[in-house]
C-alpha atoms as a PDB file:
ATOM      1  CA  UNK A   1       0.000   0.000   0.000  1.00  0.00           C
ATOM      2  CA  UNK A   2       2.893   2.355   0.704  1.00  0.00           C
ATOM      3  CA  UNK A   3       4.202   1.950  -2.820  1.00  0.00           C
ATOM      4  CA  UNK A   4       0.750   2.461  -4.346  1.00  0.00           C
ATOM      5  CA  UNK A   5       0.263   5.671  -2.362  1.00  0.00           C
ATOM      6  CA  UNK A   6       3.316   7.194  -4.016  1.00  0.00           C
ATOM      7  CA  UNK A   7       5.110   7.366  -0.667  1.00  0.00           C
ATOM      8  CA  UNK A   8       7.182   4.148  -0.543  1.00  0.00           C
ATOM      9  CA  UNK A   9       9.254   3.205   2.499  1.00  0.00           C
ATOM     10  CA  UNK A  10      12.965   3.901   2.329  1.00  0.00           C
ATOM     11  CA  UNK A  11      15.436   1.142   1.485  1.00  0.00           C
ATOM     12  CA  UNK A  12      16.541   0.996   5.115  1.00  0.00           C
ATOM     13  CA  UNK A  13      12.921   0.549   6.263  1.00  0.00           C
ATOM     14  CA  UNK A  14      12.391  -2.311   3.830  1.00  0.00           C
ATOM     15  CA  UNK A  15      15.656  -4.003   4.818  1.00  0.00           C
ATOM     16  CA  UNK A  16      14.916  -3.591   8.533  1.00  0.00           C
ATOM     17  CA  UNK A  17      11.625  -5.506   8.359  1.00  0.00           C
ATOM     18  CA  UNK A  18      12.084  -8.640  10.440  1.00  0.00           C
ATOM     19  CA  UNK A  19       9.252 -11.129  10.002  1.00  0.00           C
ATOM     20  CA  UNK A  20      10.552 -13.368  12.795  1.00  0.00           C
ATOM     21  CA  UNK A  21      10.349 -10.464  15.234  1.00  0.00           C
ATOM     22  CA  UNK A  22       6.799  -9.613  14.126  1.00  0.00           C
ATOM     23  CA  UNK A  23       5.656 -13.223  14.426  1.00  0.00           C
ATOM     24  CA  UNK A  24       7.209 -13.469  17.897  1.00  0.00           C
ATOM     25  CA  UNK A  25       5.399 -10.293  18.926  1.00  0.00           C
ATOM     26  CA  UNK A  26       2.063 -11.612  17.684  1.00  0.00           C
ATOM     27  CA  UNK A  27       2.700 -14.915  19.458  1.00  0.00           C
ATOM     28  CA  UNK A  28       3.371 -13.116  22.752  1.00  0.00           C
ATOM     29  CA  UNK A  29       0.173 -11.100  22.378  1.00  0.00           C
ATOM     30  CA  UNK A  30      -1.760 -14.301  21.713  1.00  0.00           C
ATOM     31  CA  UNK A  31      -0.224 -16.033  24.723  1.00  0.00           C
ATOM     32  CA  UNK A  32      -1.162 -13.130  27.006  1.00  0.00           C
ATOM     33  CA  UNK A  33      -4.754 -13.024  25.879  1.00  0.00           C
ATOM     34  CA  UNK A  34      -6.649 -14.738  23.087  1.00  0.00           C
ATOM     35  CA  UNK A  35      -9.348 -12.050  23.148  1.00  0.00           C
ATOM     36  CA  UNK A  36      -6.770  -9.256  22.849  1.00  0.00           C
ATOM     37  CA  UNK A  37      -5.140 -11.083  19.953  1.00  0.00           C
ATOM     38  CA  UNK A  38      -8.533 -11.504  18.292  1.00  0.00           C
ATOM     39  CA  UNK A  39      -9.293  -7.795  18.710  1.00  0.00           C
ATOM     40  CA  UNK A  40      -5.944  -6.904  17.129  1.00  0.00           C
ATOM     41  CA  UNK A  41      -6.483  -9.265  14.196  1.00  0.00           C
ATOM     42  CA  UNK A  42     -10.036  -7.949  13.693  1.00  0.00           C
ATOM     43  CA  UNK A  43      -8.700  -4.386  13.681  1.00  0.00           C
ATOM     44  CA  UNK A  44      -6.042  -5.297  11.126  1.00  0.00           C
ATOM     45  CA  UNK A  45      -8.616  -7.070   8.959  1.00  0.00           C
ATOM     46  CA  UNK A  46     -10.859  -3.996   9.021  1.00  0.00           C
ATOM     47  CA  UNK A  47      -7.925  -1.752   8.123  1.00  0.00           C
ATOM     48  CA  UNK A  48      -7.045  -3.947   5.152  1.00  0.00           C
ATOM     49  CA  UNK A  49     -10.694  -4.189   4.124  1.00  0.00           C
ATOM     50  CA  UNK A  50     -10.986  -0.406   4.079  1.00  0.00           C
ATOM     51  CA  UNK A  51      -7.824  -0.225   1.997  1.00  0.00           C
ATOM     52  CA  UNK A  52      -9.277  -2.833  -0.357  1.00  0.00           C
ATOM     53  CA  UNK A  53     -12.489  -0.816  -0.726  1.00  0.00           C
ATOM     54  CA  UNK A  54     -10.513   2.343  -1.427  1.00  0.00           C
ATOM     55  CA  UNK A  55      -8.511   0.546  -4.121  1.00  0.00           C
ATOM     56  CA  UNK A  56     -11.645  -0.686  -5.814  1.00  0.00           C
ATOM     57  CA  UNK A  57     -13.304   2.734  -5.668  1.00  0.00           C
ATOM     58  CA  UNK A  58     -10.175   4.282  -7.170  1.00  0.00           C
ATOM     59  CA  UNK A  59     -10.205   1.673  -9.933  1.00  0.00           C
ATOM     60  CA  UNK A  60      -6.835   0.278  -8.881  1.00  0.00           C
ATOM     61  CA  UNK A  61      -7.826  -3.387  -8.644  1.00  0.00           C
ATOM     62  CA  UNK A  62      -7.410  -5.493  -5.561  1.00  0.00           C
ATOM     63  CA  UNK A  63      -4.789  -6.226  -2.921  1.00  0.00           C
ATOM     64  CA  UNK A  64      -4.222  -9.564  -4.620  1.00  0.00           C
ATOM     65  CA  UNK A  65      -2.980  -7.810  -7.758  1.00  0.00           C
ATOM     66  CA  UNK A  66       0.368  -7.256  -6.031  1.00  0.00           C
ATOM     67  CA  UNK A  67       0.296  -9.985  -3.372  1.00  0.00           C
ATOM     68  CA  UNK A  68       1.892 -13.269  -4.407  1.00  0.00           C
ATOM     69  CA  UNK A  69      -0.001 -15.670  -2.125  1.00  0.00           C
ATOM     70  CA  UNK A  70       1.530 -18.721  -3.820  1.00  0.00           C
ATOM     71  CA  UNK A  71       5.009 -17.583  -2.768  1.00  0.00           C
ATOM     72  CA  UNK A  72       4.027 -17.161   0.904  1.00  0.00           C
ATOM     73  CA  UNK A  73       5.480 -19.507   3.462  1.00  0.00           C
ATOM     74  CA  UNK A  74       3.086 -21.833   5.239  1.00  0.00           C
ATOM     75  CA  UNK A  75       5.377 -22.278   8.244  1.00  0.00           C
END
């Protein structure tokens, strides 16, 4: 979404993304409270859904136009 907005993250921001750290953070949230984790995931889903709606209204297609689901890890 950052790239589509015309305001992409810097190279250092892209390189600094650590998926293991993010997964560990989400795991800790889940372990401390399933309801809190659910609320967070629901909030994220709504945020993405709004973005999806905005893309469609702007005639830019869908999130899946740039998301390679087949290449995603299942681990």
